[in-house]
Amino acid sequence: MNRLRLAAAALTAFALAAAPAQGGKAPTKLTGIVGPGFTITLTKGGKRVKTLPPGKYALTVVDKATNHNFHLTGPGVNLKSGVAAKGTKTYPITLKRGTYRFVCDPHALDLKGSFNVS
């Protein structure tokens, strides 16, 4: 009987150690890509974003051109990469209910998109 209790205690300890801390849920990953040509996209799991639920996200911006940037605006968010810079950077963001827009500032008439958080 003691072996059974010891085994149960060991399994419980292992399960607790392996479980994430409460509230430790990883943010949902989004990817914003601009360039190298005249393209700008925002995707989640490889699919274009049209709507999202409110919450915490990790936005990875992939800026592939020195003449573009990725600028995201919406309720509580105003985030942008540099125009002259190329590279990849991840930003933590919290999205609230509302409409969000993303553009390349130098080419805002052509390179733009939007999505809703509801």
PDB file of N, CA and C in Angstrom:
ATOM      1  N   MET A   1       0.827  -1.193   0.000  1.00  0.00           N
ATOM      2  CA  MET A   1       0.000   0.000   0.000  1.00  0.00           C
ATOM      3  C   MET A   1       0.869   1.255   0.000  1.00  0.00           C
ATOM      4  N   ASN A   2       1.986   1.221   0.742  1.00  0.00           N
ATOM      5  CA  ASN A   2       2.880   2.381   0.775  1.00  0.00           C
ATOM      6  C   ASN A   2       3.489   2.655  -0.597  1.00  0.00           C
ATOM      7  N   ARG A   3       3.810   1.592  -1.334  1.00  0.00           N
ATOM      8  CA  ARG A   3       4.364   1.767  -2.677  1.00  0.00           C
ATOM      9  C   ARG A   3       3.351   2.470  -3.585  1.00  0.00           C
ATOM     10  N   LEU A   4       2.091   2.096  -3.439  1.00  0.00           N
ATOM     11  CA  LEU A   4       1.035   2.710  -4.245  1.00  0.00           C
ATOM     12  C   LEU A   4       0.905   4.196  -3.930  1.00  0.00           C
ATOM     13  N   ARG A   5       0.931   4.542  -2.641  1.00  0.00           N
ATOM     14  CA  ARG A   5       0.864   5.955  -2.244  1.00  0.00           C
ATOM     15  C   ARG A   5       2.090   6.718  -2.723  1.00  0.00           C
ATOM     16  N   LEU A   6       3.246   6.115  -2.621  1.00  0.00           N
ATOM     17  CA  LEU A   6       4.479   6.754  -3.069  1.00  0.00           C
ATOM     18  C   LEU A   6       4.448   6.987  -4.578  1.00  0.00           C
ATOM     19  N   ALA A   7       3.946   6.002  -5.321  1.00  0.00           N
ATOM     20  CA  ALA A   7       3.839   6.151  -6.771  1.00  0.00           C
ATOM     21  C   ALA A   7       2.831   7.248  -7.119  1.00  0.00           C
ATOM     22  N   ALA A   8       1.711   7.294  -6.421  1.00  0.00           N
ATOM     23  CA  ALA A   8       0.703   8.332  -6.675  1.00  0.00           C
ATOM     24  C   ALA A   8       1.263   9.713  -6.361  1.00  0.00           C
ATOM     25  N   ALA A   9       2.005   9.818  -5.271  1.00  0.00           N
ATOM     26  CA  ALA A   9       2.611  11.105  -4.908  1.00  0.00           C
ATOM     27  C   ALA A   9       3.639  11.537  -5.946  1.00  0.00           C
ATOM     28  N   ALA A  10       4.407  10.593  -6.449  1.00  0.00           N
ATOM     29  CA  ALA A  10       5.411  10.918  -7.466  1.00  0.00           C
ATOM     30  C   ALA A  10       4.735  11.377  -8.753  1.00  0.00           C
ATOM     31  N   LEU A  11       3.662  10.698  -9.163  1.00  0.00           N
ATOM     32  CA  LEU A  11       2.933  11.104 -10.369  1.00  0.00           C
ATOM     33  C   LEU A  11       2.307  12.482 -10.203  1.00  0.00           C
ATOM     34  N   THR A  12       1.761  12.768  -9.039  1.00  0.00           N
ATOM     35  CA  THR A  12       1.181  14.083  -8.783  1.00  0.00           C
ATOM     36  C   THR A  12       2.242  15.162  -8.849  1.00  0.00           C
ATOM     37  N   ALA A  13       3.395  14.910  -8.233  1.00  0.00           N
ATOM     38  CA  ALA A  13       4.490  15.884  -8.259  1.00  0.00           C
ATOM     39  C   ALA A  13       4.965  16.121  -9.689  1.00  0.00           C
ATOM     40  N   PHE A  14       5.061  15.060 -10.465  1.00  0.00           N
ATOM     41  CA  PHE A  14       5.484  15.197 -11.870  1.00  0.00           C
ATOM     42  C   PHE A  14       4.474  16.014 -12.661  1.00  0.00           C
ATOM     43  N   ALA A  15       3.188  15.744 -12.471  1.00  0.00           N
ATOM     44  CA  ALA A  15       2.141  16.469 -13.203  1.00  0.00           C
ATOM     45  C   ALA A  15       2.154  17.948 -12.844  1.00  0.00           C
ATOM     46  N   LEU A  16       2.333  18.254 -11.572  1.00  0.00           N
ATOM     47  CA  LEU A  16       2.384  19.657 -11.149  1.00  0.00           C
ATOM     48  C   LEU A  16       3.602  20.365 -11.713  1.00  0.00           C
ATOM     49  N   ALA A  17       4.713  19.690 -11.771  1.00  0.00           N
ATOM     50  CA  ALA A  17       5.936  20.299 -12.302  1.00  0.00           C
ATOM     51  C   ALA A  17       5.832  20.522 -13.803  1.00  0.00           C
ATOM     52  N   ALA A  18       5.149  19.632 -14.491  1.00  0.00           N
ATOM     53  CA  ALA A  18       5.041  19.739 -15.945  1.00  0.00           C
ATOM     54  C   ALA A  18       3.966  20.724 -16.388  1.00  0.00           C
ATOM     55  N   ALA A  19       2.993  21.011 -15.530  1.00  0.00           N
ATOM     56  CA  ALA A  19       1.894  21.907 -15.907  1.00  0.00           C
ATOM     57  C   ALA A  19       2.364  23.356 -15.861  1.00  0.00           C
ATOM     58  N   PRO A  20       1.889  24.194 -16.798  1.00  0.00           N
ATOM     59  CA  PRO A  20       2.245  25.602 -16.753  1.00  0.00           C
ATOM     60  C   PRO A  20       1.598  26.269 -15.550  1.00  0.00           C
ATOM     61  N   ALA A  21       2.220  27.331 -15.067  1.00  0.00           N
ATOM     62  CA  ALA A  21       1.666  28.080 -13.958  1.00  0.00           C
ATOM     63  C   ALA A  21       0.334  28.688 -14.390  1.00  0.00           C
ATOM     64  N   GLN A  22      -0.565  28.871 -13.449  1.00  0.00           N
ATOM     65  CA  GLN A  22      -1.841  29.489 -13.783  1.00  0.00           C
ATOM     66  C   GLN A  22      -1.598  30.848 -14.389  1.00  0.00           C
ATOM     67  N   GLY A  23      -2.331  31.174 -15.428  1.00  0.00           N
ATOM     68  CA  GLY A  23      -2.142  32.452 -16.099  1.00  0.00           C
ATOM     69  C   GLY A  23      -0.913  32.452 -16.981  1.00  0.00           C
ATOM     70  N   GLY A  24      -0.232  31.311 -17.092  1.00  0.00           N
ATOM     71  CA  GLY A  24       0.994  31.234 -17.864  1.00  0.00           C
ATOM     72  C   GLY A  24       0.759  30.843 -19.315  1.00  0.00           C
ATOM     73  N   LYS A  25      -0.476  30.974 -19.779  1.00  0.00           N
ATOM     74  CA  LYS A  25      -0.781  30.612 -21.155  1.00  0.00           C
ATOM     75  C   LYS A  25       0.033  31.489 -22.099  1.00  0.00           C
ATOM     76  N   ALA A  26       0.678  30.852 -23.041  1.00  0.00           N
ATOM     77  CA  ALA A  26       1.498  31.597 -24.008  1.00  0.00           C
ATOM     78  C   ALA A  26       0.586  32.426 -24.902  1.00  0.00           C
ATOM     79  N   PRO A  27       1.034  33.651 -25.243  1.00  0.00           N
ATOM     80  CA  PRO A  27       0.207  34.470 -26.137  1.00  0.00           C
ATOM     81  C   PRO A  27       0.098  33.845 -27.524  1.00  0.00           C
ATOM     82  N   THR A  28      -1.005  34.115 -28.188  1.00  0.00           N
ATOM     83  CA  THR A  28      -1.222  33.640 -29.551  1.00  0.00           C
ATOM     84  C   THR A  28      -0.255  34.350 -30.486  1.00  0.00           C
ATOM     85  N   LYS A  29       0.311  33.611 -31.426  1.00  0.00           N
ATOM     86  CA  LYS A  29       1.303  34.175 -32.346  1.00  0.00           C
ATOM     87  C   LYS A  29       0.647  34.737 -33.596  1.00  0.00           C
ATOM     88  N   LEU A  30       1.039  35.957 -33.947  1.00  0.00           N
ATOM     89  CA  LEU A  30       0.641  36.601 -35.189  1.00  0.00           C
ATOM     90  C   LEU A  30       1.901  36.943 -35.962  1.00  0.00           C
ATOM     91  N   THR A  31       1.802  37.007 -37.294  1.00  0.00           N
ATOM     92  CA  THR A  31       2.950  37.373 -38.116  1.00  0.00           C
ATOM     93  C   THR A  31       2.548  38.475 -39.083  1.00  0.00           C
ATOM     94  N   GLY A  32       3.278  39.581 -39.025  1.00  0.00           N
ATOM     95  CA  GLY A  32       3.096  40.678 -39.961  1.00  0.00           C
ATOM     96  C   GLY A  32       4.286  40.715 -40.903  1.00  0.00           C
ATOM     97  N   ILE A  33       4.039  40.687 -42.195  1.00  0.00           N
ATOM     98  CA  ILE A  33       5.123  40.696 -43.181  1.00  0.00           C
ATOM     99  C   ILE A  33       4.918  41.863 -44.122  1.00  0.00           C
ATOM    100  N   VAL A  34       5.994  42.600 -44.362  1.00  0.00           N
ATOM    101  CA  VAL A  34       5.962  43.681 -45.340  1.00  0.00           C
ATOM    102  C   VAL A  34       7.168  43.533 -46.258  1.00  0.00           C
ATOM    103  N   GLY A  35       6.913  43.669 -47.572  1.00  0.00           N
ATOM    104  CA  GLY A  35       7.978  43.531 -48.563  1.00  0.00           C
ATOM    105  C   GLY A  35       8.250  42.076 -48.872  1.00  0.00           C
ATOM    106  N   PRO A  36       9.230  41.818 -49.738  1.00  0.00           N
ATOM    107  CA  PRO A  36      10.156  42.765 -50.330  1.00  0.00           C
ATOM    108  C   PRO A  36       9.531  43.581 -51.447  1.00  0.00           C
ATOM    109  N   GLY A  37       8.496  43.067 -52.078  1.00  0.00           N
ATOM    110  CA  GLY A  37       7.789  43.844 -53.102  1.00  0.00           C
ATOM    111  C   GLY A  37       6.731  44.703 -52.430  1.00  0.00           C
ATOM    112  N   PHE A  38       5.678  44.986 -53.131  1.00  0.00           N
ATOM    113  CA  PHE A  38       4.605  45.806 -52.579  1.00  0.00           C
ATOM    114  C   PHE A  38       3.512  44.922 -51.992  1.00  0.00           C
ATOM    115  N   THR A  39       3.865  44.252 -50.869  1.00  0.00           N
ATOM    116  CA  THR A  39       2.909  43.401 -50.167  1.00  0.00           C
ATOM    117  C   THR A  39       2.991  43.660 -48.672  1.00  0.00           C
ATOM    118  N   ILE A  40       1.854  43.530 -48.016  1.00  0.00           N
ATOM    119  CA  ILE A  40       1.790  43.605 -46.558  1.00  0.00           C
ATOM    120  C   ILE A  40       0.693  42.650 -46.113  1.00  0.00           C
ATOM    121  N   THR A  41       0.992  41.816 -45.117  1.00  0.00           N
ATOM    122  CA  THR A  41       0.025  40.828 -44.643  1.00  0.00           C
ATOM    123  C   THR A  41       0.104  40.696 -43.135  1.00  0.00           C
ATOM    124  N   LEU A  42      -0.990  40.237 -42.563  1.00  0.00           N
ATOM    125  CA  LEU A  42      -1.032  39.855 -41.154  1.00  0.00           C
ATOM    126  C   LEU A  42      -1.692  38.488 -41.107  1.00  0.00           C
ATOM    127  N   THR A  43      -0.991  37.503 -40.540  1.00  0.00           N
ATOM    128  CA  THR A  43      -1.506  36.135 -40.517  1.00  0.00           C
ATOM    129  C   THR A  43      -1.439  35.544 -39.117  1.00  0.00           C
ATOM    130  N   LYS A  44      -2.257  34.521 -38.936  1.00  0.00           N
ATOM    131  CA  LYS A  44      -2.239  33.694 -37.719  1.00  0.00           C
ATOM    132  C   LYS A  44      -2.243  32.259 -38.206  1.00  0.00           C
ATOM    133  N   GLY A  45      -1.196  31.530 -37.905  1.00  0.00           N
ATOM    134  CA  GLY A  45      -1.111  30.145 -38.370  1.00  0.00           C
ATOM    135  C   GLY A  45      -1.105  30.030 -39.876  1.00  0.00           C
ATOM    136  N   GLY A  46      -0.565  31.040 -40.565  1.00  0.00           N
ATOM    137  CA  GLY A  46      -0.478  31.020 -42.017  1.00  0.00           C
ATOM    138  C   GLY A  46      -1.726  31.503 -42.745  1.00  0.00           C
ATOM    139  N   LYS A  47      -2.774  31.872 -42.006  1.00  0.00           N
ATOM    140  CA  LYS A  47      -4.012  32.352 -42.632  1.00  0.00           C
ATOM    141  C   LYS A  47      -4.198  33.838 -42.349  1.00  0.00           C
ATOM    142  N   ARG A  48      -4.681  34.561 -43.349  1.00  0.00           N
ATOM    143  CA  ARG A  48      -4.915  35.997 -43.187  1.00  0.00           C
ATOM    144  C   ARG A  48      -5.879  36.259 -42.033  1.00  0.00           C
ATOM    145  N   VAL A  49      -5.555  37.282 -41.250  1.00  0.00           N
ATOM    146  CA  VAL A  49      -6.384  37.652 -40.112  1.00  0.00           C
ATOM    147  C   VAL A  49      -7.518  38.561 -40.579  1.00  0.00           C
ATOM    148  N   LYS A  50      -8.748  38.186 -40.218  1.00  0.00           N
ATOM    149  CA  LYS A  50      -9.922  39.020 -40.482  1.00  0.00           C
ATOM    150  C   LYS A  50     -10.563  39.449 -39.174  1.00  0.00           C
ATOM    151  N   THR A  51     -10.666  38.510 -38.231  1.00  0.00           N
ATOM    152  CA  THR A  51     -11.179  38.804 -36.891  1.00  0.00           C
ATOM    153  C   THR A  51     -10.371  38.021 -35.867  1.00  0.00           C
ATOM    154  N   LEU A  52     -10.283  38.587 -34.671  1.00  0.00           N
ATOM    155  CA  LEU A  52      -9.589  37.946 -33.560  1.00  0.00           C
ATOM    156  C   LEU A  52     -10.366  38.216 -32.280  1.00  0.00           C
ATOM    157  N   PRO A  53     -10.255  37.339 -31.299  1.00  0.00           N
ATOM    158  CA  PRO A  53     -10.831  37.651 -29.999  1.00  0.00           C
ATOM    159  C   PRO A  53      -9.887  38.579 -29.221  1.00  0.00           C
ATOM    160  N   PRO A  54     -10.410  39.346 -28.285  1.00  0.00           N
ATOM    161  CA  PRO A  54      -9.526  40.175 -27.456  1.00  0.00           C
ATOM    162  C   PRO A  54      -8.547  39.287 -26.695  1.00  0.00           C
ATOM    163  N   GLY A  55      -7.368  39.834 -26.410  1.00  0.00           N
ATOM    164  CA  GLY A  55      -6.401  39.075 -25.630  1.00  0.00           C
ATOM    165  C   GLY A  55      -4.973  39.475 -25.911  1.00  0.00           C
ATOM    166  N   LYS A  56      -4.065  38.673 -25.352  1.00  0.00           N
ATOM    167  CA  LYS A  56      -2.629  38.918 -25.494  1.00  0.00           C
ATOM    168  C   LYS A  56      -2.096  38.147 -26.698  1.00  0.00           C
ATOM    169  N   TYR A  57      -1.235  38.823 -27.453  1.00  0.00           N
ATOM    170  CA  TYR A  57      -0.663  38.248 -28.660  1.00  0.00           C
ATOM    171  C   TYR A  57       0.829  38.552 -28.717  1.00  0.00           C
ATOM    172  N   ALA A  58       1.548  37.735 -29.463  1.00  0.00           N
ATOM    173  CA  ALA A  58       2.951  37.988 -29.784  1.00  0.00           C
ATOM    174  C   ALA A  58       2.998  38.244 -31.285  1.00  0.00           C
ATOM    175  N   LEU A  59       3.243  39.496 -31.667  1.00  0.00           N
ATOM    176  CA  LEU A  59       3.280  39.881 -33.076  1.00  0.00           C
ATOM    177  C   LEU A  59       4.724  39.882 -33.559  1.00  0.00           C
ATOM    178  N   THR A  60       5.033  38.984 -34.477  1.00  0.00           N
ATOM    179  CA  THR A  60       6.348  38.954 -35.096  1.00  0.00           C
ATOM    180  C   THR A  60       6.261  39.702 -36.418  1.00  0.00           C
ATOM    181  N   VAL A  61       7.010  40.804 -36.502  1.00  0.00           N
ATOM    182  CA  VAL A  61       7.039  41.610 -37.716  1.00  0.00           C
ATOM    183  C   VAL A  61       8.276  41.226 -38.516  1.00  0.00           C
ATOM    184  N   VAL A  62       8.054  40.832 -39.766  1.00  0.00           N
ATOM    185  CA  VAL A  62       9.134  40.492 -40.682  1.00  0.00           C
ATOM    186  C   VAL A  62       9.168  41.593 -41.741  1.00  0.00           C
ATOM    187  N   ASP A  63      10.153  42.470 -41.629  1.00  0.00           N
ATOM    188  CA  ASP A  63      10.303  43.606 -42.543  1.00  0.00           C
ATOM    189  C   ASP A  63      11.388  43.228 -43.540  1.00  0.00           C
ATOM    190  N   LYS A  64      10.973  43.009 -44.797  1.00  0.00           N
ATOM    191  CA  LYS A  64      11.884  42.493 -45.816  1.00  0.00           C
ATOM    192  C   LYS A  64      12.424  43.552 -46.766  1.00  0.00           C
ATOM    193  N   ALA A  65      12.206  44.836 -46.459  1.00  0.00           N
ATOM    194  CA  ALA A  65      12.649  45.879 -47.388  1.00  0.00           C
ATOM    195  C   ALA A  65      13.034  47.152 -46.631  1.00  0.00           C
ATOM    196  N   THR A  66      13.999  47.866 -47.177  1.00  0.00           N
ATOM    197  CA  THR A  66      14.441  49.119 -46.547  1.00  0.00           C
ATOM    198  C   THR A  66      13.588  50.311 -46.961  1.00  0.00           C
ATOM    199  N   ASN A  67      12.583  50.096 -47.794  1.00  0.00           N
ATOM    200  CA  ASN A  67      11.705  51.196 -48.168  1.00  0.00           C
ATOM    201  C   ASN A  67      10.278  51.010 -47.626  1.00  0.00           C
ATOM    202  N   HIS A  68      10.078  50.045 -46.744  1.00  0.00           N
ATOM    203  CA  HIS A  68       8.771  49.771 -46.146  1.00  0.00           C
ATOM    204  C   HIS A  68       8.880  49.724 -44.628  1.00  0.00           C
ATOM    205  N   ASN A  69       7.721  49.806 -43.969  1.00  0.00           N
ATOM    206  CA  ASN A  69       7.629  49.501 -42.546  1.00  0.00           C
ATOM    207  C   ASN A  69       6.276  48.845 -42.287  1.00  0.00           C
ATOM    208  N   PHE A  70       6.107  48.328 -41.075  1.00  0.00           N
ATOM    209  CA  PHE A  70       4.841  47.717 -40.667  1.00  0.00           C
ATOM    210  C   PHE A  70       4.339  48.537 -39.499  1.00  0.00           C
ATOM    211  N   HIS A  71       3.180  49.194 -39.668  1.00  0.00           N
ATOM    212  CA  HIS A  71       2.625  50.089 -38.655  1.00  0.00           C
ATOM    213  C   HIS A  71       1.220  49.603 -38.305  1.00  0.00           C
ATOM    214  N   LEU A  72       1.042  49.153 -37.051  1.00  0.00           N
ATOM    215  CA  LEU A  72      -0.237  48.643 -36.569  1.00  0.00           C
ATOM    216  C   LEU A  72      -0.832  49.643 -35.590  1.00  0.00           C
ATOM    217  N   THR A  73      -2.088  50.044 -35.839  1.00  0.00           N
ATOM    218  CA  THR A  73      -2.786  50.950 -34.924  1.00  0.00           C
ATOM    219  C   THR A  73      -4.172  50.413 -34.624  1.00  0.00           C
ATOM    220  N   GLY A  74      -4.666  50.757 -33.447  1.00  0.00           N
ATOM    221  CA  GLY A  74      -5.997  50.371 -33.005  1.00  0.00           C
ATOM    222  C   GLY A  74      -6.131  50.719 -31.542  1.00  0.00           C
ATOM    223  N   PRO A  75      -7.228  50.336 -30.899  1.00  0.00           N
ATOM    224  CA  PRO A  75      -7.440  50.683 -29.494  1.00  0.00           C
ATOM    225  C   PRO A  75      -6.272  50.258 -28.603  1.00  0.00           C
ATOM    226  N   GLY A  76      -5.516  51.229 -28.127  1.00  0.00           N
ATOM    227  CA  GLY A  76      -4.393  50.970 -27.227  1.00  0.00           C
ATOM    228  C   GLY A  76      -3.122  50.500 -27.895  1.00  0.00           C
ATOM    229  N   VAL A  77      -3.071  50.451 -29.227  1.00  0.00           N
ATOM    230  CA  VAL A  77      -1.886  49.955 -29.936  1.00  0.00           C
ATOM    231  C   VAL A  77      -1.448  50.967 -30.993  1.00  0.00           C
ATOM    232  N   ASN A  78      -0.167  51.301 -30.978  1.00  0.00           N
ATOM    233  CA  ASN A  78       0.456  52.122 -32.019  1.00  0.00           C
ATOM    234  C   ASN A  78       1.894  51.632 -32.131  1.00  0.00           C
ATOM    235  N   LEU A  79       2.097  50.652 -32.985  1.00  0.00           N
ATOM    236  CA  LEU A  79       3.373  49.953 -33.071  1.00  0.00           C
ATOM    237  C   LEU A  79       3.886  50.025 -34.499  1.00  0.00           C
ATOM    238  N   LYS A  80       5.170  50.349 -34.658  1.00  0.00           N
ATOM    239  CA  LYS A  80       5.710  50.371 -36.022  1.00  0.00           C
ATOM    240  C   LYS A  80       7.180  50.009 -36.051  1.00  0.00           C
ATOM    241  N   SER A  81       7.540  49.358 -37.153  1.00  0.00           N
ATOM    242  CA  SER A  81       8.951  49.070 -37.416  1.00  0.00           C
ATOM    243  C   SER A  81       9.534  50.266 -38.170  1.00  0.00           C
ATOM    244  N   GLY A  82      10.849  50.333 -38.240  1.00  0.00           N
ATOM    245  CA  GLY A  82      11.506  51.436 -38.936  1.00  0.00           C
ATOM    246  C   GLY A  82      11.460  51.259 -40.444  1.00  0.00           C
ATOM    247  N   VAL A  83      11.401  52.376 -41.157  1.00  0.00           N
ATOM    248  CA  VAL A  83      11.341  52.317 -42.618  1.00  0.00           C
ATOM    249  C   VAL A  83      12.671  51.835 -43.193  1.00  0.00           C
ATOM    250  N   ALA A  84      13.773  52.356 -42.723  1.00  0.00           N
ATOM    251  CA  ALA A  84      15.076  52.016 -43.297  1.00  0.00           C
ATOM    252  C   ALA A  84      15.610  50.668 -42.809  1.00  0.00           C
ATOM    253  N   ALA A  85      14.956  50.098 -41.819  1.00  0.00           N
ATOM    254  CA  ALA A  85      15.461  48.859 -41.218  1.00  0.00           C
ATOM    255  C   ALA A  85      14.794  47.632 -41.833  1.00  0.00           C
ATOM    256  N   LYS A  86      15.581  46.590 -42.015  1.00  0.00           N
ATOM    257  CA  LYS A  86      15.067  45.278 -42.388  1.00  0.00           C
ATOM    258  C   LYS A  86      15.296  44.376 -41.192  1.00  0.00           C
ATOM    259  N   GLY A  87      14.478  43.355 -41.059  1.00  0.00           N
ATOM    260  CA  GLY A  87      14.715  42.399 -39.990  1.00  0.00           C
ATOM    261  C   GLY A  87      13.431  41.862 -39.407  1.00  0.00           C
ATOM    262  N   THR A  88      13.591  41.086 -38.340  1.00  0.00           N
ATOM    263  CA  THR A  88      12.476  40.436 -37.669  1.00  0.00           C
ATOM    264  C   THR A  88      12.512  40.793 -36.190  1.00  0.00           C
ATOM    265  N   LYS A  89      11.356  41.167 -35.660  1.00  0.00           N
ATOM    266  CA  LYS A  89      11.256  41.502 -34.246  1.00  0.00           C
ATOM    267  C   LYS A  89       9.871  41.096 -33.752  1.00  0.00           C
ATOM    268  N   THR A  90       9.805  40.598 -32.522  1.00  0.00           N
ATOM    269  CA  THR A  90       8.540  40.193 -31.924  1.00  0.00           C
ATOM    270  C   THR A  90       8.137  41.189 -30.839  1.00  0.00           C
ATOM    271  N   TYR A  91       6.872  41.596 -30.898  1.00  0.00           N
ATOM    272  CA  TYR A  91       6.319  42.567 -29.965  1.00  0.00           C
ATOM    273  C   TYR A  91       5.163  41.943 -29.189  1.00  0.00           C
ATOM    274  N   PRO A  92       5.123  42.117 -27.869  1.00  0.00           N
ATOM    275  CA  PRO A  92       3.937  41.690 -27.130  1.00  0.00           C
ATOM    276  C   PRO A  92       2.860  42.768 -27.272  1.00  0.00           C
ATOM    277  N   ILE A  93       1.647  42.366 -27.609  1.00  0.00           N
ATOM    278  CA  ILE A  93       0.553  43.331 -27.734  1.00  0.00           C
ATOM    279  C   ILE A  93      -0.706  42.768 -27.074  1.00  0.00           C
ATOM    280  N   THR A  94      -1.551  43.658 -26.621  1.00  0.00           N
ATOM    281  CA  THR A  94      -2.861  43.288 -26.090  1.00  0.00           C
ATOM    282  C   THR A  94      -3.904  43.941 -26.966  1.00  0.00           C
ATOM    283  N   LEU A  95      -4.755  43.127 -27.556  1.00  0.00           N
ATOM    284  CA  LEU A  95      -5.793  43.629 -28.450  1.00  0.00           C
ATOM    285  C   LEU A  95      -7.119  43.710 -27.707  1.00  0.00           C
ATOM    286  N   LYS A  96      -7.758  44.869 -27.831  1.00  0.00           N
ATOM    287  CA  LYS A  96      -9.068  45.117 -27.231  1.00  0.00           C
ATOM    288  C   LYS A  96     -10.103  45.171 -28.353  1.00  0.00           C
ATOM    289  N   ARG A  97     -11.355  45.149 -27.996  1.00  0.00           N
ATOM    290  CA  ARG A  97     -12.424  45.222 -28.997  1.00  0.00           C
ATOM    291  C   ARG A  97     -12.278  46.478 -29.845  1.00  0.00           C
ATOM    292  N   GLY A  98     -12.459  46.321 -31.155  1.00  0.00           N
ATOM    293  CA  GLY A  98     -12.382  47.454 -32.058  1.00  0.00           C
ATOM    294  C   GLY A  98     -11.770  47.068 -33.388  1.00  0.00           C
ATOM    295  N   THR A  99     -11.495  48.090 -34.198  1.00  0.00           N
ATOM    296  CA  THR A  99     -10.898  47.898 -35.513  1.00  0.00           C
ATOM    297  C   THR A  99      -9.424  48.279 -35.465  1.00  0.00           C
ATOM    298  N   TYR A 100      -8.605  47.442 -36.062  1.00  0.00           N
ATOM    299  CA  TYR A 100      -7.158  47.674 -36.141  1.00  0.00           C
ATOM    300  C   TYR A 100      -6.768  47.789 -37.606  1.00  0.00           C
ATOM    301  N   ARG A 101      -5.788  48.653 -37.857  1.00  0.00           N
ATOM    302  CA  ARG A 101      -5.303  48.854 -39.222  1.00  0.00           C
ATOM    303  C   ARG A 101      -3.792  48.667 -39.242  1.00  0.00           C
ATOM    304  N   PHE A 102      -3.295  48.101 -40.339  1.00  0.00           N
ATOM    305  CA  PHE A 102      -1.855  48.003 -40.529  1.00  0.00           C
ATOM    306  C   PHE A 102      -1.526  48.555 -41.904  1.00  0.00           C
ATOM    307  N   VAL A 103      -0.434  49.321 -41.965  1.00  0.00           N
ATOM    308  CA  VAL A 103      -0.025  49.974 -43.206  1.00  0.00           C
ATOM    309  C   VAL A 103       1.491  50.025 -43.284  1.00  0.00           C
ATOM    310  N   CYS A 104       1.976  50.281 -44.472  1.00  0.00           N
ATOM    311  CA  CYS A 104       3.356  50.721 -44.688  1.00  0.00           C
ATOM    312  C   CYS A 104       3.238  52.234 -44.814  1.00  0.00           C
ATOM    313  N   ASP A 105       3.807  52.985 -43.885  1.00  0.00           N
ATOM    314  CA  ASP A 105       3.624  54.437 -43.880  1.00  0.00           C
ATOM    315  C   ASP A 105       4.010  55.120 -45.195  1.00  0.00           C
ATOM    316  N   PRO A 106       5.162  54.807 -45.814  1.00  0.00           N
ATOM    317  CA  PRO A 106       5.494  55.486 -47.070  1.00  0.00           C
ATOM    318  C   PRO A 106       4.564  55.131 -48.235  1.00  0.00           C
ATOM    319  N   HIS A 107       3.855  54.007 -48.111  1.00  0.00           N
ATOM    320  CA  HIS A 107       2.994  53.543 -49.209  1.00  0.00           C
ATOM    321  C   HIS A 107       1.591  53.222 -48.684  1.00  0.00           C
ATOM    322  N   ALA A 108       1.068  54.083 -47.814  1.00  0.00           N
ATOM    323  CA  ALA A 108      -0.186  53.817 -47.104  1.00  0.00           C
ATOM    324  C   ALA A 108      -1.396  53.675 -48.019  1.00  0.00           C
ATOM    325  N   LEU A 109      -1.354  54.267 -49.203  1.00  0.00           N
ATOM    326  CA  LEU A 109      -2.493  54.137 -50.119  1.00  0.00           C
ATOM    327  C   LEU A 109      -2.570  52.749 -50.747  1.00  0.00           C
ATOM    328  N   ASP A 110      -1.417  52.088 -50.888  1.00  0.00           N
ATOM    329  CA  ASP A 110      -1.369  50.786 -51.554  1.00  0.00           C
ATOM    330  C   ASP A 110      -1.165  49.610 -50.602  1.00  0.00           C
ATOM    331  N   LEU A 111      -0.346  49.799 -49.590  1.00  0.00           N
ATOM    332  CA  LEU A 111      -0.004  48.710 -48.667  1.00  0.00           C
ATOM    333  C   LEU A 111      -0.748  48.905 -47.358  1.00  0.00           C
ATOM    334  N   LYS A 112      -1.892  48.251 -47.233  1.00  0.00           N
ATOM    335  CA  LYS A 112      -2.717  48.441 -46.045  1.00  0.00           C
ATOM    336  C   LYS A 112      -3.631  47.240 -45.843  1.00  0.00           C
ATOM    337  N   GLY A 113      -4.120  47.111 -44.632  1.00  0.00           N
ATOM    338  CA  GLY A 113      -5.064  46.063 -44.290  1.00  0.00           C
ATOM    339  C   GLY A 113      -5.714  46.393 -42.970  1.00  0.00           C
ATOM    340  N   SER A 114      -6.730  45.622 -42.600  1.00  0.00           N
ATOM    341  CA  SER A 114      -7.408  45.855 -41.327  1.00  0.00           C
ATOM    342  C   SER A 114      -8.037  44.555 -40.851  1.00  0.00           C
ATOM    343  N   PHE A 115      -8.393  44.541 -39.566  1.00  0.00           N
ATOM    344  CA  PHE A 115      -9.098  43.418 -38.974  1.00  0.00           C
ATOM    345  C   PHE A 115      -9.868  43.912 -37.760  1.00  0.00           C
ATOM    346  N   ASN A 116     -10.822  43.122 -37.326  1.00  0.00           N
ATOM    347  CA  ASN A 116     -11.643  43.470 -36.157  1.00  0.00           C
ATOM    348  C   ASN A 116     -11.345  42.552 -35.006  1.00  0.00           C
ATOM    349  N   VAL A 117     -11.416  43.106 -33.816  1.00  0.00           N
ATOM    350  CA  VAL A 117     -11.314  42.331 -32.576  1.00  0.00           C
ATOM    351  C   VAL A 117     -12.673  42.411 -31.919  1.00  0.00           C
ATOM    352  N   SER A 118     -13.292  41.245 -31.740  1.00  0.00           N
ATOM    353  CA  SER A 118     -14.630  41.221 -31.151  1.00  0.00           C
ATOM    354  C   SER A 118     -14.845  39.970 -30.320  1.00  0.00           C
TER     355      SER A 118
END
